[in-house]
Amino acid sequence: MGGDYDGALVVRVRARAIDGAATEEALSAVADAFGQSRSTVELVHGQRSRTKIFEVCGDESALLERLAKLLARDR
């Protein structure tokens, strides 16, 4: 993870934005960060944008707790 920006989680990837490679890497990185399988993470908005919105399926309270820890980690 790359920290946070204005309350949003930043994900940095090395893959180039060719044929969706960067998006796929970001999906996998988000899944790993939340301790979920890749199949539980879906791109909701931003297929062709640097700013993307992902949905992570799972126990909401556990996911929110993990998000808070990820956001606080770099402060």
N, C-alpha and C. Protein backbone atom coordinates (compact mmCIF):
# COMPACT_ATOMS: atom_id res chain seq x y z
N MET A 1 0.84 -1.17 0.00
CA MET A 1 0.00 0.00 0.00
C MET A 1 0.88 1.23 0.00
N GLY A 2 0.34 2.28 -0.52
CA GLY A 2 1.11 3.50 -0.67
C GLY A 2 0.70 4.61 0.27
N GLY A 3 -0.05 4.30 1.33
CA GLY A 3 -0.46 5.33 2.27
C GLY A 3 -1.87 5.84 2.00
N ASP A 4 -2.09 7.10 2.34
CA ASP A 4 -3.42 7.65 2.11
C ASP A 4 -3.30 9.04 1.51
N TYR A 5 -4.35 9.45 0.85
CA TYR A 5 -4.44 10.78 0.28
C TYR A 5 -5.84 11.29 0.50
N ASP A 6 -5.96 12.30 1.34
CA ASP A 6 -7.26 12.91 1.60
C ASP A 6 -8.30 11.89 2.08
N GLY A 7 -7.85 10.94 2.91
CA GLY A 7 -8.75 9.94 3.47
C GLY A 7 -8.98 8.72 2.60
N ALA A 8 -8.35 8.69 1.43
CA ALA A 8 -8.48 7.54 0.53
C ALA A 8 -7.21 6.71 0.59
N LEU A 9 -7.35 5.42 0.50
CA LEU A 9 -6.21 4.52 0.51
C LEU A 9 -5.51 4.59 -0.85
N VAL A 10 -4.20 4.76 -0.84
CA VAL A 10 -3.42 4.83 -2.07
C VAL A 10 -2.76 3.48 -2.30
N VAL A 11 -2.91 2.98 -3.52
CA VAL A 11 -2.30 1.70 -3.91
C VAL A 11 -1.32 1.99 -5.03
N ARG A 12 -0.07 1.63 -4.82
CA ARG A 12 0.94 1.82 -5.86
C ARG A 12 1.26 0.47 -6.48
N VAL A 13 1.31 0.45 -7.80
CA VAL A 13 1.63 -0.78 -8.52
C VAL A 13 2.75 -0.51 -9.51
N ARG A 14 3.43 -1.54 -9.90
CA ARG A 14 4.52 -1.42 -10.86
C ARG A 14 4.06 -1.67 -12.30
N ALA A 15 2.98 -2.39 -12.45
CA ALA A 15 2.51 -2.74 -13.80
C ALA A 15 2.10 -1.47 -14.55
N ARG A 16 2.32 -1.50 -15.84
CA ARG A 16 1.92 -0.37 -16.68
C ARG A 16 0.45 -0.49 -17.01
N ALA A 17 -0.14 0.64 -17.32
CA ALA A 17 -1.57 0.69 -17.63
C ALA A 17 -1.82 0.26 -19.08
N ILE A 18 -1.43 -0.96 -19.37
CA ILE A 18 -1.62 -1.53 -20.71
C ILE A 18 -2.45 -2.79 -20.56
N ASP A 19 -3.55 -2.84 -21.30
CA ASP A 19 -4.44 -4.00 -21.28
C ASP A 19 -4.93 -4.37 -19.88
N GLY A 20 -5.08 -3.37 -19.03
CA GLY A 20 -5.63 -3.60 -17.70
C GLY A 20 -4.67 -4.21 -16.70
N ALA A 21 -3.39 -4.29 -17.04
CA ALA A 21 -2.42 -4.93 -16.14
C ALA A 21 -2.30 -4.19 -14.81
N ALA A 22 -2.29 -2.86 -14.85
CA ALA A 22 -2.18 -2.08 -13.60
C ALA A 22 -3.42 -2.26 -12.74
N THR A 23 -4.58 -2.30 -13.37
CA THR A 23 -5.83 -2.49 -12.62
C THR A 23 -5.84 -3.87 -11.96
N GLU A 24 -5.43 -4.88 -12.69
CA GLU A 24 -5.39 -6.23 -12.12
C GLU A 24 -4.42 -6.31 -10.95
N GLU A 25 -3.28 -5.66 -11.08
CA GLU A 25 -2.31 -5.66 -9.98
C GLU A 25 -2.88 -4.92 -8.78
N ALA A 26 -3.60 -3.81 -9.02
CA ALA A 26 -4.22 -3.06 -7.93
C ALA A 26 -5.29 -3.90 -7.24
N LEU A 27 -6.08 -4.62 -8.01
CA LEU A 27 -7.11 -5.50 -7.42
C LEU A 27 -6.47 -6.54 -6.50
N SER A 28 -5.38 -7.14 -6.96
CA SER A 28 -4.68 -8.14 -6.15
C SER A 28 -4.06 -7.51 -4.91
N ALA A 29 -3.50 -6.31 -5.05
CA ALA A 29 -2.88 -5.62 -3.91
C ALA A 29 -3.92 -5.27 -2.85
N VAL A 30 -5.09 -4.83 -3.28
CA VAL A 30 -6.16 -4.51 -2.33
C VAL A 30 -6.61 -5.78 -1.61
N ALA A 31 -6.78 -6.85 -2.36
CA ALA A 31 -7.18 -8.13 -1.74
C ALA A 31 -6.16 -8.56 -0.69
N ASP A 32 -4.88 -8.49 -1.04
CA ASP A 32 -3.83 -8.87 -0.09
C ASP A 32 -3.84 -7.98 1.15
N ALA A 33 -4.00 -6.67 0.94
CA ALA A 33 -3.99 -5.73 2.06
C ALA A 33 -5.12 -5.99 3.04
N PHE A 34 -6.25 -6.46 2.52
CA PHE A 34 -7.40 -6.72 3.38
C PHE A 34 -7.49 -8.19 3.82
N GLY A 35 -6.51 -9.00 3.42
CA GLY A 35 -6.50 -10.40 3.80
C GLY A 35 -7.64 -11.19 3.17
N GLN A 36 -8.00 -10.80 1.96
CA GLN A 36 -9.11 -11.44 1.25
C GLN A 36 -8.58 -12.10 -0.01
N SER A 37 -9.38 -12.98 -0.59
CA SER A 37 -9.01 -13.56 -1.87
C SER A 37 -9.32 -12.55 -2.97
N ARG A 38 -8.65 -12.65 -4.06
CA ARG A 38 -8.83 -11.72 -5.18
C ARG A 38 -10.27 -11.70 -5.66
N SER A 39 -10.97 -12.82 -5.55
CA SER A 39 -12.36 -12.91 -6.05
C SER A 39 -13.33 -12.07 -5.23
N THR A 40 -12.91 -11.58 -4.06
CA THR A 40 -13.81 -10.77 -3.23
C THR A 40 -13.68 -9.28 -3.51
N VAL A 41 -12.77 -8.91 -4.41
CA VAL A 41 -12.54 -7.49 -4.72
C VAL A 41 -13.00 -7.21 -6.14
N GLU A 42 -13.78 -6.14 -6.27
CA GLU A 42 -14.33 -5.77 -7.57
C GLU A 42 -14.08 -4.29 -7.84
N LEU A 43 -13.75 -3.97 -9.08
CA LEU A 43 -13.61 -2.59 -9.49
C LEU A 43 -15.00 -2.03 -9.75
N VAL A 44 -15.36 -0.98 -9.01
CA VAL A 44 -16.70 -0.40 -9.12
C VAL A 44 -16.69 0.80 -10.07
N HIS A 45 -15.62 1.58 -10.04
CA HIS A 45 -15.56 2.78 -10.86
C HIS A 45 -14.10 3.12 -11.17
N GLY A 46 -13.83 3.58 -12.39
CA GLY A 46 -12.51 4.07 -12.74
C GLY A 46 -11.67 3.15 -13.57
N GLN A 47 -12.29 2.35 -14.41
CA GLN A 47 -11.53 1.39 -15.23
C GLN A 47 -10.38 2.06 -15.97
N ARG A 48 -10.58 3.23 -16.52
CA ARG A 48 -9.54 3.91 -17.30
C ARG A 48 -8.97 5.14 -16.59
N SER A 49 -9.19 5.22 -15.31
CA SER A 49 -8.75 6.38 -14.54
C SER A 49 -7.68 5.98 -13.53
N ARG A 50 -6.86 6.94 -13.13
CA ARG A 50 -5.90 6.68 -12.05
C ARG A 50 -6.61 6.54 -10.72
N THR A 51 -7.76 7.18 -10.60
CA THR A 51 -8.56 7.09 -9.38
C THR A 51 -9.60 6.01 -9.57
N LYS A 52 -9.55 5.01 -8.70
CA LYS A 52 -10.45 3.87 -8.82
C LYS A 52 -11.19 3.64 -7.52
N ILE A 53 -12.35 3.07 -7.62
CA ILE A 53 -13.13 2.69 -6.44
C ILE A 53 -13.31 1.18 -6.49
N PHE A 54 -12.89 0.53 -5.41
CA PHE A 54 -13.01 -0.92 -5.29
C PHE A 54 -14.03 -1.27 -4.23
N GLU A 55 -14.67 -2.40 -4.40
CA GLU A 55 -15.56 -2.95 -3.38
C GLU A 55 -14.94 -4.26 -2.90
N VAL A 56 -14.81 -4.37 -1.58
CA VAL A 56 -14.25 -5.58 -0.98
C VAL A 56 -15.38 -6.25 -0.21
N CYS A 57 -15.70 -7.47 -0.57
CA CYS A 57 -16.77 -8.21 0.11
C CYS A 57 -16.18 -8.97 1.29
N GLY A 58 -16.93 -8.97 2.38
CA GLY A 58 -16.50 -9.67 3.57
C GLY A 58 -17.18 -9.09 4.79
N ASP A 59 -16.70 -9.43 5.95
CA ASP A 59 -17.24 -8.93 7.20
C ASP A 59 -16.97 -7.43 7.29
N GLU A 60 -18.03 -6.63 7.25
CA GLU A 60 -17.89 -5.18 7.17
C GLU A 60 -17.08 -4.60 8.33
N SER A 61 -17.35 -5.04 9.54
CA SER A 61 -16.64 -4.46 10.68
C SER A 61 -15.15 -4.81 10.62
N ALA A 62 -14.81 -6.02 10.22
CA ALA A 62 -13.41 -6.41 10.11
C ALA A 62 -12.72 -5.64 8.99
N LEU A 63 -13.43 -5.43 7.88
CA LEU A 63 -12.84 -4.68 6.77
C LEU A 63 -12.63 -3.22 7.13
N LEU A 64 -13.58 -2.62 7.84
CA LEU A 64 -13.43 -1.23 8.27
C LEU A 64 -12.29 -1.08 9.26
N GLU A 65 -12.14 -2.05 10.14
CA GLU A 65 -11.03 -2.03 11.10
C GLU A 65 -9.70 -2.12 10.36
N ARG A 66 -9.63 -3.00 9.38
CA ARG A 66 -8.39 -3.14 8.60
C ARG A 66 -8.10 -1.86 7.81
N LEU A 67 -9.13 -1.25 7.24
CA LEU A 67 -8.95 0.01 6.51
C LEU A 67 -8.40 1.09 7.43
N ALA A 68 -8.94 1.19 8.63
CA ALA A 68 -8.46 2.18 9.59
C ALA A 68 -6.99 1.96 9.90
N LYS A 69 -6.59 0.71 10.06
CA LYS A 69 -5.18 0.40 10.34
C LYS A 69 -4.30 0.75 9.16
N LEU A 70 -4.76 0.46 7.95
CA LEU A 70 -3.98 0.78 6.76
C LEU A 70 -3.81 2.30 6.61
N LEU A 71 -4.87 3.04 6.87
CA LEU A 71 -4.81 4.49 6.75
C LEU A 71 -3.93 5.11 7.83
N ALA A 72 -3.93 4.53 9.03
CA ALA A 72 -3.17 5.07 10.14
C ALA A 72 -1.69 4.66 10.10
N ARG A 73 -1.39 3.63 9.36
CA ARG A 73 -0.05 3.06 9.34
C ARG A 73 1.03 4.07 8.93
N ASP A 74 0.72 4.94 7.99
CA ASP A 74 1.73 5.87 7.49
C ASP A 74 1.69 7.23 8.15
N ARG A 75 0.94 7.38 9.21
CA ARG A 75 0.85 8.69 9.88
C ARG A 75 1.83 8.80 10.99
